[in-house]
Amino acid sequence: CKCQLGYELKYTSGRYSCVDVNECVTNTHRCNLHAECLNTEGSFQC
């Protein structure tokens, strides 16, 4: 079982869980230069 797209496996509080990837922080979004990135659960919006 792999984390859904937009999530990554992290070890937090003694167990592994799928945590939302903040595409706005990791700069993996494809927003326009003149747009703001808004992180959503499992995805992002521009």
ModelCIF file with pLDDT and N, C-alpha, C, O atoms, coordinates in Angstrom:
data_MODEL
#
_entry.id   MODEL 
#
_entity.id                         1 
_entity.type                       polymer 
_entity.pdbx_number_of_molecules   1 
#
_entity_poly.entity_id                      1 
_entity_poly.type                           'polypeptide(L)' 
_entity_poly.nstd_linkage                   no 
_entity_poly.nstd_monomer                   no 
_entity_poly.pdbx_seq_one_letter_code       CKCQLGYELKYTSGRYSCVDVNECVTNTHRCNLHAECLNTEGSFQC 
_entity_poly.pdbx_seq_one_letter_code_can   CKCQLGYELKYTSGRYSCVDVNECVTNTHRCNLHAECLNTEGSFQC 
_entity_poly.pdbx_strand_id                 A 
#
loop_
_entity_poly_seq.entity_id 
_entity_poly_seq.num 
_entity_poly_seq.mon_id 
_entity_poly_seq.hetero 
1 1  CYS n 
1 2  LYS n 
1 3  CYS n 
1 4  GLN n 
1 5  LEU n 
1 6  GLY n 
1 7  TYR n 
1 8  GLU n 
1 9  LEU n 
1 10 LYS n 
1 11 TYR n 
1 12 THR n 
1 13 SER n 
1 14 GLY n 
1 15 ARG n 
1 16 TYR n 
1 17 SER n 
1 18 CYS n 
1 19 VAL n 
1 20 ASP n 
1 21 VAL n 
1 22 ASN n 
1 23 GLU n 
1 24 CYS n 
1 25 VAL n 
1 26 THR n 
1 27 ASN n 
1 28 THR n 
1 29 HIS n 
1 30 ARG n 
1 31 CYS n 
1 32 ASN n 
1 33 LEU n 
1 34 HIS n 
1 35 ALA n 
1 36 GLU n 
1 37 CYS n 
1 38 LEU n 
1 39 ASN n 
1 40 THR n 
1 41 GLU n 
1 42 GLY n 
1 43 SER n 
1 44 PHE n 
1 45 GLN n 
1 46 CYS n 
#
_struct_asym.id          A 
_struct_asym.entity_id   1 
#
loop_
_ma_qa_metric.id 
_ma_qa_metric.mode 
_ma_qa_metric.name 
_ma_qa_metric.software_group_id 
_ma_qa_metric.type 
1 global pLDDT . pLDDT 
2 local  pLDDT . pLDDT 
#
_ma_qa_metric_global.metric_id      1 
_ma_qa_metric_global.metric_value   86.70 
_ma_qa_metric_global.model_id       1 
_ma_qa_metric_global.ordinal_id     1 
#
loop_
_ma_qa_metric_local.label_asym_id 
_ma_qa_metric_local.label_comp_id 
_ma_qa_metric_local.label_seq_id 
_ma_qa_metric_local.metric_id 
_ma_qa_metric_local.metric_value 
_ma_qa_metric_local.model_id 
_ma_qa_metric_local.ordinal_id 
A CYS 1  2 89.00 1 1  
A LYS 2  2 88.00 1 2  
A CYS 3  2 90.00 1 3  
A GLN 4  2 88.00 1 4  
A LEU 5  2 87.00 1 5  
A GLY 6  2 87.00 1 6  
A TYR 7  2 89.00 1 7  
A GLU 8  2 86.00 1 8  
A LEU 9  2 84.00 1 9  
A LYS 10 2 81.00 1 10 
A TYR 11 2 81.00 1 11 
A THR 12 2 79.00 1 12 
A SER 13 2 81.00 1 13 
A GLY 14 2 81.00 1 14 
A ARG 15 2 79.00 1 15 
A TYR 16 2 80.00 1 16 
A SER 17 2 83.00 1 17 
A CYS 18 2 87.00 1 18 
A VAL 19 2 87.00 1 19 
A ASP 20 2 88.00 1 20 
A VAL 21 2 88.00 1 21 
A ASN 22 2 90.00 1 22 
A GLU 23 2 88.00 1 23 
A CYS 24 2 91.00 1 24 
A VAL 25 2 89.00 1 25 
A THR 26 2 84.00 1 26 
A ASN 27 2 82.00 1 27 
A THR 28 2 81.00 1 28 
A HIS 29 2 83.00 1 29 
A ARG 30 2 83.00 1 30 
A CYS 31 2 90.00 1 31 
A ASN 32 2 89.00 1 32 
A LEU 33 2 86.00 1 33 
A HIS 34 2 88.00 1 34 
A ALA 35 2 91.00 1 35 
A GLU 36 2 91.00 1 36 
A CYS 37 2 92.00 1 37 
A LEU 38 2 93.00 1 38 
A ASN 39 2 91.00 1 39 
A THR 40 2 89.00 1 40 
A GLU 41 2 86.00 1 41 
A GLY 42 2 85.00 1 42 
A SER 43 2 88.00 1 43 
A PHE 44 2 91.00 1 44 
A GLN 45 2 91.00 1 45 
A CYS 46 2 93.00 1 46 
#
loop_
_atom_site.group_PDB 
_atom_site.id 
_atom_site.type_symbol 
_atom_site.label_atom_id 
_atom_site.label_alt_id 
_atom_site.label_comp_id 
_atom_site.label_asym_id 
_atom_site.label_entity_id 
_atom_site.label_seq_id 
_atom_site.pdbx_PDB_ins_code 
_atom_site.Cartn_x 
_atom_site.Cartn_y 
_atom_site.Cartn_z 
_atom_site.occupancy 
_atom_site.B_iso_or_equiv 
_atom_site.pdbx_formal_charge 
_atom_site.auth_seq_id 
_atom_site.auth_comp_id 
_atom_site.auth_asym_id 
_atom_site.auth_atom_id 
_atom_site.pdbx_PDB_model_num 
ATOM 1   N N  . CYS A 1 1  ? 0.850  -1.190 0.000   1.00 89.00 ? 1  CYS A N  1 
ATOM 2   C CA . CYS A 1 1  ? 0.000  0.000  0.000   1.00 89.00 ? 1  CYS A CA 1 
ATOM 3   C C  . CYS A 1 1  ? 0.883  1.236  0.000   1.00 89.00 ? 1  CYS A C  1 
ATOM 4   O O  . CYS A 1 1  ? 1.693  1.435  0.906   1.00 89.00 ? 1  CYS A O  1 
ATOM 5   N N  . LYS A 1 2  ? 0.721  2.055  -1.015  1.00 88.00 ? 2  LYS A N  1 
ATOM 6   C CA . LYS A 1 2  ? 1.528  3.261  -1.179  1.00 88.00 ? 2  LYS A CA 1 
ATOM 7   C C  . LYS A 1 2  ? 0.644  4.469  -0.901  1.00 88.00 ? 2  LYS A C  1 
ATOM 8   O O  . LYS A 1 2  ? -0.567 4.432  -1.122  1.00 88.00 ? 2  LYS A O  1 
ATOM 9   N N  . CYS A 1 3  ? 1.255  5.526  -0.419  1.00 90.00 ? 3  CYS A N  1 
ATOM 10  C CA . CYS A 1 3  ? 0.474  6.749  -0.169  1.00 90.00 ? 3  CYS A CA 1 
ATOM 11  C C  . CYS A 1 3  ? -0.131 7.254  -1.479  1.00 90.00 ? 3  CYS A C  1 
ATOM 12  O O  . CYS A 1 3  ? 0.483  7.162  -2.542  1.00 90.00 ? 3  CYS A O  1 
ATOM 13  N N  . GLN A 1 4  ? -1.339 7.784  -1.377  1.00 88.00 ? 4  GLN A N  1 
ATOM 14  C CA . GLN A 1 4  ? -1.994 8.377  -2.549  1.00 88.00 ? 4  GLN A CA 1 
ATOM 15  C C  . GLN A 1 4  ? -1.148 9.541  -3.050  1.00 88.00 ? 4  GLN A C  1 
ATOM 16  O O  . GLN A 1 4  ? -0.339 10.103 -2.312  1.00 88.00 ? 4  GLN A O  1 
ATOM 17  N N  . LEU A 1 5  ? -1.349 9.894  -4.321  1.00 87.00 ? 5  LEU A N  1 
ATOM 18  C CA . LEU A 1 5  ? -0.645 11.048 -4.873  1.00 87.00 ? 5  LEU A CA 1 
ATOM 19  C C  . LEU A 1 5  ? -1.000 12.274 -4.044  1.00 87.00 ? 5  LEU A C  1 
ATOM 20  O O  . LEU A 1 5  ? -2.162 12.470 -3.687  1.00 87.00 ? 5  LEU A O  1 
ATOM 21  N N  . GLY A 1 6  ? -0.012 13.090 -3.741  1.00 87.00 ? 6  GLY A N  1 
ATOM 22  C CA . GLY A 1 6  ? -0.241 14.268 -2.911  1.00 87.00 ? 6  GLY A CA 1 
ATOM 23  C C  . GLY A 1 6  ? 0.037  14.020 -1.437  1.00 87.00 ? 6  GLY A C  1 
ATOM 24  O O  . GLY A 1 6  ? -0.075 14.923 -0.609  1.00 87.00 ? 6  GLY A O  1 
ATOM 25  N N  . TYR A 1 7  ? 0.408  12.756 -1.117  1.00 89.00 ? 7  TYR A N  1 
ATOM 26  C CA . TYR A 1 7  ? 0.747  12.395 0.264   1.00 89.00 ? 7  TYR A CA 1 
ATOM 27  C C  . TYR A 1 7  ? 2.123  11.735 0.281   1.00 89.00 ? 7  TYR A C  1 
ATOM 28  O O  . TYR A 1 7  ? 2.563  11.166 -0.718  1.00 89.00 ? 7  TYR A O  1 
ATOM 29  N N  . GLU A 1 8  ? 2.789  11.819 1.419   1.00 86.00 ? 8  GLU A N  1 
ATOM 30  C CA . GLU A 1 8  ? 4.082  11.127 1.551   1.00 86.00 ? 8  GLU A CA 1 
ATOM 31  C C  . GLU A 1 8  ? 4.126  10.401 2.890   1.00 86.00 ? 8  GLU A C  1 
ATOM 32  O O  . GLU A 1 8  ? 3.472  10.795 3.855   1.00 86.00 ? 8  GLU A O  1 
ATOM 33  N N  . LEU A 1 9  ? 4.920  9.324  2.920   1.00 84.00 ? 9  LEU A N  1 
ATOM 34  C CA . LEU A 1 9  ? 5.023  8.509  4.124   1.00 84.00 ? 9  LEU A CA 1 
ATOM 35  C C  . LEU A 1 9  ? 5.956  9.187  5.120   1.00 84.00 ? 9  LEU A C  1 
ATOM 36  O O  . LEU A 1 9  ? 7.109  9.486  4.811   1.00 84.00 ? 9  LEU A O  1 
ATOM 37  N N  . LYS A 1 10 ? 5.432  9.425  6.325   1.00 81.00 ? 10 LYS A N  1 
ATOM 38  C CA . LYS A 1 10 ? 6.242  10.055 7.375   1.00 81.00 ? 10 LYS A CA 1 
ATOM 39  C C  . LYS A 1 10 ? 6.092  9.248  8.662   1.00 81.00 ? 10 LYS A C  1 
ATOM 40  O O  . LYS A 1 10 ? 5.040  8.671  8.939   1.00 81.00 ? 10 LYS A O  1 
ATOM 41  N N  . TYR A 1 11 ? 7.179  9.224  9.441   1.00 81.00 ? 11 TYR A N  1 
ATOM 42  C CA . TYR A 1 11 ? 7.161  8.526  10.720  1.00 81.00 ? 11 TYR A CA 1 
ATOM 43  C C  . TYR A 1 11 ? 6.921  9.561  11.811  1.00 81.00 ? 11 TYR A C  1 
ATOM 44  O O  . TYR A 1 11 ? 7.820  10.307 12.197  1.00 81.00 ? 11 TYR A O  1 
ATOM 45  N N  . THR A 1 12 ? 5.683  9.584  12.295  1.00 79.00 ? 12 THR A N  1 
ATOM 46  C CA . THR A 1 12 ? 5.354  10.551 13.335  1.00 79.00 ? 12 THR A CA 1 
ATOM 47  C C  . THR A 1 12 ? 4.648  9.854  14.492  1.00 79.00 ? 12 THR A C  1 
ATOM 48  O O  . THR A 1 12 ? 3.873  8.919  14.293  1.00 79.00 ? 12 THR A O  1 
ATOM 49  N N  . SER A 1 13 ? 4.922  10.314 15.672  1.00 81.00 ? 13 SER A N  1 
ATOM 50  C CA . SER A 1 13 ? 4.391  9.781  16.933  1.00 81.00 ? 13 SER A CA 1 
ATOM 51  C C  . SER A 1 13 ? 4.333  8.248  16.974  1.00 81.00 ? 13 SER A C  1 
ATOM 52  O O  . SER A 1 13 ? 3.308  7.643  17.288  1.00 81.00 ? 13 SER A O  1 
ATOM 53  N N  . GLY A 1 14 ? 5.486  7.652  16.640  1.00 81.00 ? 14 GLY A N  1 
ATOM 54  C CA . GLY A 1 14 ? 5.651  6.203  16.783  1.00 81.00 ? 14 GLY A CA 1 
ATOM 55  C C  . GLY A 1 14 ? 5.033  5.340  15.703  1.00 81.00 ? 14 GLY A C  1 
ATOM 56  O O  . GLY A 1 14 ? 5.000  4.116  15.832  1.00 81.00 ? 14 GLY A O  1 
ATOM 57  N N  . ARG A 1 15 ? 4.535  5.966  14.627  1.00 79.00 ? 15 ARG A N  1 
ATOM 58  C CA . ARG A 1 15 ? 4.009  5.114  13.545  1.00 79.00 ? 15 ARG A CA 1 
ATOM 59  C C  . ARG A 1 15 ? 4.133  5.816  12.193  1.00 79.00 ? 15 ARG A C  1 
ATOM 60  O O  . ARG A 1 15 ? 4.281  7.035  12.105  1.00 79.00 ? 15 ARG A O  1 
ATOM 61  N N  . TYR A 1 16 ? 4.065  4.999  11.150  1.00 80.00 ? 16 TYR A N  1 
ATOM 62  C CA . TYR A 1 16 ? 4.123  5.541  9.786   1.00 80.00 ? 16 TYR A CA 1 
ATOM 63  C C  . TYR A 1 16 ? 2.724  5.926  9.348   1.00 80.00 ? 16 TYR A C  1 
ATOM 64  O O  . TYR A 1 16 ? 1.770  5.175  9.551   1.00 80.00 ? 16 TYR A O  1 
ATOM 65  N N  . SER A 1 17 ? 2.606  7.094  8.748   1.00 83.00 ? 17 SER A N  1 
ATOM 66  C CA . SER A 1 17 ? 1.312  7.488  8.196   1.00 83.00 ? 17 SER A CA 1 
ATOM 67  C C  . SER A 1 17 ? 1.534  8.355  6.961   1.00 83.00 ? 17 SER A C  1 
ATOM 68  O O  . SER A 1 17 ? 2.604  8.929  6.761   1.00 83.00 ? 17 SER A O  1 
ATOM 69  N N  . CYS A 1 18 ? 0.493  8.431  6.142   1.00 87.00 ? 18 CYS A N  1 
ATOM 70  C CA . CYS A 1 18 ? 0.563  9.223  4.922   1.00 87.00 ? 18 CYS A CA 1 
ATOM 71  C C  . CYS A 1 18 ? 0.138  10.648 5.251   1.00 87.00 ? 18 CYS A C  1 
ATOM 72  O O  . CYS A 1 18 ? -0.991 10.898 5.672   1.00 87.00 ? 18 CYS A O  1 
ATOM 73  N N  . VAL A 1 19 ? 1.065  11.569 5.049   1.00 87.00 ? 19 VAL A N  1 
ATOM 74  C CA . VAL A 1 19 ? 0.838  12.974 5.409   1.00 87.00 ? 19 VAL A CA 1 
ATOM 75  C C  . VAL A 1 19 ? 0.774  13.804 4.133   1.00 87.00 ? 19 VAL A C  1 
ATOM 76  O O  . VAL A 1 19 ? 1.501  13.555 3.171   1.00 87.00 ? 19 VAL A O  1 
ATOM 77  N N  . ASP A 1 20 ? -0.108 14.793 4.147   1.00 88.00 ? 20 ASP A N  1 
ATOM 78  C CA . ASP A 1 20 ? -0.276 15.673 2.991   1.00 88.00 ? 20 ASP A CA 1 
ATOM 79  C C  . ASP A 1 20 ? 1.033  16.370 2.640   1.00 88.00 ? 20 ASP A C  1 
ATOM 80  O O  . ASP A 1 20 ? 1.747  16.863 3.514   1.00 88.00 ? 20 ASP A O  1 
ATOM 81  N N  . VAL A 1 21 ? 1.335  16.401 1.333   1.00 88.00 ? 21 VAL A N  1 
ATOM 82  C CA . VAL A 1 21 ? 2.516  17.125 0.848   1.00 88.00 ? 21 VAL A CA 1 
ATOM 83  C C  . VAL A 1 21 ? 2.079  18.562 0.576   1.00 88.00 ? 21 VAL A C  1 
ATOM 84  O O  . VAL A 1 21 ? 1.104  18.792 -0.140  1.00 88.00 ? 21 VAL A O  1 
ATOM 85  N N  . ASN A 1 22 ? 2.797  19.523 1.144   1.00 90.00 ? 22 ASN A N  1 
ATOM 86  C CA . ASN A 1 22 ? 2.495  20.927 0.870   1.00 90.00 ? 22 ASN A CA 1 
ATOM 87  C C  . ASN A 1 22 ? 3.271  21.344 -0.378  1.00 90.00 ? 22 ASN A C  1 
ATOM 88  O O  . ASN A 1 22 ? 4.435  21.738 -0.308  1.00 90.00 ? 22 ASN A O  1 
ATOM 89  N N  . GLU A 1 23 ? 2.582  21.243 -1.536  1.00 88.00 ? 23 GLU A N  1 
ATOM 90  C CA . GLU A 1 23 ? 3.239  21.516 -2.817  1.00 88.00 ? 23 GLU A CA 1 
ATOM 91  C C  . GLU A 1 23 ? 3.722  22.961 -2.914  1.00 88.00 ? 23 GLU A C  1 
ATOM 92  O O  . GLU A 1 23 ? 4.666  23.262 -3.643  1.00 88.00 ? 23 GLU A O  1 
ATOM 93  N N  . CYS A 1 24 ? 3.056  23.860 -2.163  1.00 91.00 ? 24 CYS A N  1 
ATOM 94  C CA . CYS A 1 24 ? 3.433  25.284 -2.197  1.00 91.00 ? 24 CYS A CA 1 
ATOM 95  C C  . CYS A 1 24 ? 4.795  25.502 -1.543  1.00 91.00 ? 24 CYS A C  1 
ATOM 96  O O  . CYS A 1 24 ? 5.566  26.361 -1.970  1.00 91.00 ? 24 CYS A O  1 
ATOM 97  N N  . VAL A 1 25 ? 5.087  24.714 -0.498  1.00 89.00 ? 25 VAL A N  1 
ATOM 98  C CA . VAL A 1 25 ? 6.360  24.834 0.224   1.00 89.00 ? 25 VAL A CA 1 
ATOM 99  C C  . VAL A 1 25 ? 7.459  24.068 -0.512  1.00 89.00 ? 25 VAL A C  1 
ATOM 100 O O  . VAL A 1 25 ? 8.586  24.549 -0.631  1.00 89.00 ? 25 VAL A O  1 
ATOM 101 N N  . THR A 1 26 ? 7.128  22.885 -1.001  1.00 84.00 ? 26 THR A N  1 
ATOM 102 C CA . THR A 1 26 ? 8.137  22.054 -1.671  1.00 84.00 ? 26 THR A CA 1 
ATOM 103 C C  . THR A 1 26 ? 8.399  22.526 -3.098  1.00 84.00 ? 26 THR A C  1 
ATOM 104 O O  . THR A 1 26 ? 9.288  22.014 -3.779  1.00 84.00 ? 26 THR A O  1 
ATOM 105 N N  . ASN A 1 27 ? 7.614  23.509 -3.544  1.00 82.00 ? 27 ASN A N  1 
ATOM 106 C CA . ASN A 1 27 ? 7.755  24.092 -4.879  1.00 82.00 ? 27 ASN A CA 1 
ATOM 107 C C  . ASN A 1 27 ? 7.521  23.068 -5.998  1.00 82.00 ? 27 ASN A C  1 
ATOM 108 O O  . ASN A 1 27 ? 8.144  23.134 -7.058  1.00 82.00 ? 27 ASN A O  1 
ATOM 109 N N  . THR A 1 28 ? 6.625  22.139 -5.741  1.00 81.00 ? 28 THR A N  1 
ATOM 110 C CA . THR A 1 28 ? 6.300  21.131 -6.763  1.00 81.00 ? 28 THR A CA 1 
ATOM 111 C C  . THR A 1 28 ? 4.988  21.484 -7.473  1.00 81.00 ? 28 THR A C  1 
ATOM 112 O O  . THR A 1 28 ? 4.439  20.669 -8.215  1.00 81.00 ? 28 THR A O  1 
ATOM 113 N N  . HIS A 1 29 ? 4.494  22.696 -7.243  1.00 83.00 ? 29 HIS A N  1 
ATOM 114 C CA . HIS A 1 29 ? 3.268  23.135 -7.932  1.00 83.00 ? 29 HIS A CA 1 
ATOM 115 C C  . HIS A 1 29 ? 3.621  23.652 -9.332  1.00 83.00 ? 29 HIS A C  1 
ATOM 116 O O  . HIS A 1 29 ? 4.788  23.871 -9.658  1.00 83.00 ? 29 HIS A O  1 
ATOM 117 N N  . ARG A 1 30 ? 2.575  23.839 -10.149 1.00 83.00 ? 30 ARG A N  1 
ATOM 118 C CA . ARG A 1 30 ? 2.780  24.351 -11.502 1.00 83.00 ? 30 ARG A CA 1 
ATOM 119 C C  . ARG A 1 30 ? 2.013  25.668 -11.679 1.00 83.00 ? 30 ARG A C  1 
ATOM 120 O O  . ARG A 1 30 ? 1.518  25.973 -12.763 1.00 83.00 ? 30 ARG A O  1 
ATOM 121 N N  . CYS A 1 31 ? 1.926  26.444 -10.582 1.00 90.00 ? 31 CYS A N  1 
ATOM 122 C CA . CYS A 1 31 ? 1.193  27.709 -10.651 1.00 90.00 ? 31 CYS A CA 1 
ATOM 123 C C  . CYS A 1 31 ? 1.969  28.729 -11.487 1.00 90.00 ? 31 CYS A C  1 
ATOM 124 O O  . CYS A 1 31 ? 3.197  28.704 -11.566 1.00 90.00 ? 31 CYS A O  1 
ATOM 125 N N  . ASN A 1 32 ? 1.204  29.617 -12.100 1.00 89.00 ? 32 ASN A N  1 
ATOM 126 C CA . ASN A 1 32 ? 1.780  30.681 -12.905 1.00 89.00 ? 32 ASN A CA 1 
ATOM 127 C C  . ASN A 1 32 ? 2.608  31.611 -12.017 1.00 89.00 ? 32 ASN A C  1 
ATOM 128 O O  . ASN A 1 32 ? 2.382  31.706 -10.811 1.00 89.00 ? 32 ASN A O  1 
ATOM 129 N N  . LEU A 1 33 ? 3.546  32.275 -12.627 1.00 86.00 ? 33 LEU A N  1 
ATOM 130 C CA . LEU A 1 33 ? 4.412  33.221 -11.921 1.00 86.00 ? 33 LEU A CA 1 
ATOM 131 C C  . LEU A 1 33 ? 3.591  34.320 -11.240 1.00 86.00 ? 33 LEU A C  1 
ATOM 132 O O  . LEU A 1 33 ? 3.993  34.862 -10.210 1.00 86.00 ? 33 LEU A O  1 
ATOM 133 N N  . HIS A 1 34 ? 2.425  34.642 -11.838 1.00 88.00 ? 34 HIS A N  1 
ATOM 134 C CA . HIS A 1 34 ? 1.559  35.696 -11.307 1.00 88.00 ? 34 HIS A CA 1 
ATOM 135 C C  . HIS A 1 34 ? 0.367  35.097 -10.551 1.00 88.00 ? 34 HIS A C  1 
ATOM 136 O O  . HIS A 1 34 ? -0.722 35.671 -10.538 1.00 88.00 ? 34 HIS A O  1 
ATOM 137 N N  . ALA A 1 35 ? 0.588  33.944 -9.925  1.00 91.00 ? 35 ALA A N  1 
ATOM 138 C CA . ALA A 1 35 ? -0.492 33.286 -9.173  1.00 91.00 ? 35 ALA A CA 1 
ATOM 139 C C  . ALA A 1 35 ? 0.004  32.898 -7.798  1.00 91.00 ? 35 ALA A C  1 
ATOM 140 O O  . ALA A 1 35 ? 1.205  32.742 -7.574  1.00 91.00 ? 35 ALA A O  1 
ATOM 141 N N  . GLU A 1 36 ? -0.925 32.745 -6.890  1.00 91.00 ? 36 GLU A N  1 
ATOM 142 C CA . GLU A 1 36 ? -0.618 32.276 -5.543  1.00 91.00 ? 36 GLU A CA 1 
ATOM 143 C C  . GLU A 1 36 ? -0.930 30.794 -5.455  1.00 91.00 ? 36 GLU A C  1 
ATOM 144 O O  . GLU A 1 36 ? -1.892 30.311 -6.052  1.00 91.00 ? 36 GLU A O  1 
ATOM 145 N N  . CYS A 1 37 ? -0.112 30.086 -4.709  1.00 92.00 ? 37 CYS A N  1 
ATOM 146 C CA . CYS A 1 37 ? -0.344 28.650 -4.501  1.00 92.00 ? 37 CYS A CA 1 
ATOM 147 C C  . CYS A 1 37 ? -1.075 28.461 -3.181  1.00 92.00 ? 37 CYS A C  1 
ATOM 148 O O  . CYS A 1 37 ? -0.684 29.019 -2.156  1.00 92.00 ? 37 CYS A O  1 
ATOM 149 N N  . LEU A 1 38 ? -2.138 27.672 -3.216  1.00 93.00 ? 38 LEU A N  1 
ATOM 150 C CA . LEU A 1 38 ? -2.905 27.361 -2.002  1.00 93.00 ? 38 LEU A CA 1 
ATOM 151 C C  . LEU A 1 38 ? -2.880 25.855 -1.780  1.00 93.00 ? 38 LEU A C  1 
ATOM 152 O O  . LEU A 1 38 ? -3.358 25.090 -2.617  1.00 93.00 ? 38 LEU A O  1 
ATOM 153 N N  . ASN A 1 39 ? -2.328 25.440 -0.665  1.00 91.00 ? 39 ASN A N  1 
ATOM 154 C CA . ASN A 1 39 ? -2.255 23.999 -0.388  1.00 91.00 ? 39 ASN A CA 1 
ATOM 155 C C  . ASN A 1 39 ? -3.631 23.468 0.013   1.00 91.00 ? 39 ASN A C  1 
ATOM 156 O O  . ASN A 1 39 ? -4.364 24.116 0.760   1.00 91.00 ? 39 ASN A O  1 
ATOM 157 N N  . THR A 1 40 ? -3.974 22.273 -0.498  1.00 89.00 ? 40 THR A N  1 
ATOM 158 C CA . THR A 1 40 ? -5.213 21.584 -0.102  1.00 89.00 ? 40 THR A CA 1 
ATOM 159 C C  . THR A 1 40 ? -4.831 20.177 0.325   1.00 89.00 ? 40 THR A C  1 
ATOM 160 O O  . THR A 1 40 ? -3.704 19.741 0.091   1.00 89.00 ? 40 THR A O  1 
ATOM 161 N N  . GLU A 1 41 ? -5.745 19.476 0.939   1.00 86.00 ? 41 GLU A N  1 
ATOM 162 C CA . GLU A 1 41 ? -5.481 18.097 1.395   1.00 86.00 ? 41 GLU A CA 1 
ATOM 163 C C  . GLU A 1 41 ? -5.248 17.201 0.179   1.00 86.00 ? 41 GLU A C  1 
ATOM 164 O O  . GLU A 1 41 ? -6.168 16.918 -0.588  1.00 86.00 ? 41 GLU A O  1 
ATOM 165 N N  . GLY A 1 42 ? -4.014 16.768 0.023   1.00 85.00 ? 42 GLY A N  1 
ATOM 166 C CA . GLY A 1 42 ? -3.667 15.855 -1.066  1.00 85.00 ? 42 GLY A CA 1 
ATOM 167 C C  . GLY A 1 42 ? -3.408 16.542 -2.392  1.00 85.00 ? 42 GLY A C  1 
ATOM 168 O O  . GLY A 1 42 ? -3.066 15.883 -3.374  1.00 85.00 ? 42 GLY A O  1 
ATOM 169 N N  . SER A 1 43 ? -3.564 17.852 -2.434  1.00 88.00 ? 43 SER A N  1 
ATOM 170 C CA . SER A 1 43 ? -3.356 18.556 -3.704  1.00 88.00 ? 43 SER A CA 1 
ATOM 171 C C  . SER A 1 43 ? -3.018 20.026 -3.444  1.00 88.00 ? 43 SER A C  1 
ATOM 172 O O  . SER A 1 43 ? -2.512 20.371 -2.376  1.00 88.00 ? 43 SER A O  1 
ATOM 173 N N  . PHE A 1 44 ? -3.298 20.890 -4.425  1.00 91.00 ? 44 PHE A N  1 
ATOM 174 C CA . PHE A 1 44 ? -3.069 22.327 -4.307  1.00 91.00 ? 44 PHE A CA 1 
ATOM 175 C C  . PHE A 1 44 ? -3.953 23.064 -5.321  1.00 91.00 ? 44 PHE A C  1 
ATOM 176 O O  . PHE A 1 44 ? -4.491 22.466 -6.253  1.00 91.00 ? 44 PHE A O  1 
ATOM 177 N N  . GLN A 1 45 ? -4.084 24.360 -5.116  1.00 91.00 ? 45 GLN A N  1 
ATOM 178 C CA . GLN A 1 45 ? -4.840 25.205 -6.059  1.00 91.00 ? 45 GLN A CA 1 
ATOM 179 C C  . GLN A 1 45 ? -3.999 26.416 -6.399  1.00 91.00 ? 45 GLN A C  1 
ATOM 180 O O  . GLN A 1 45 ? -3.149 26.844 -5.618  1.00 91.00 ? 45 GLN A O  1 
ATOM 181 N N  . CYS A 1 46 ? -4.250 26.960 -7.579  1.00 93.00 ? 46 CYS A N  1 
ATOM 182 C CA . CYS A 1 46 ? -3.557 28.165 -8.010  1.00 93.00 ? 46 CYS A CA 1 
ATOM 183 C C  . CYS A 1 46 ? -4.594 29.269 -8.232  1.00 93.00 ? 46 CYS A C  1 
ATOM 184 O O  . CYS A 1 46 ? -4.236 30.387 -8.603  1.00 93.00 ? 46 CYS A O  1 
#
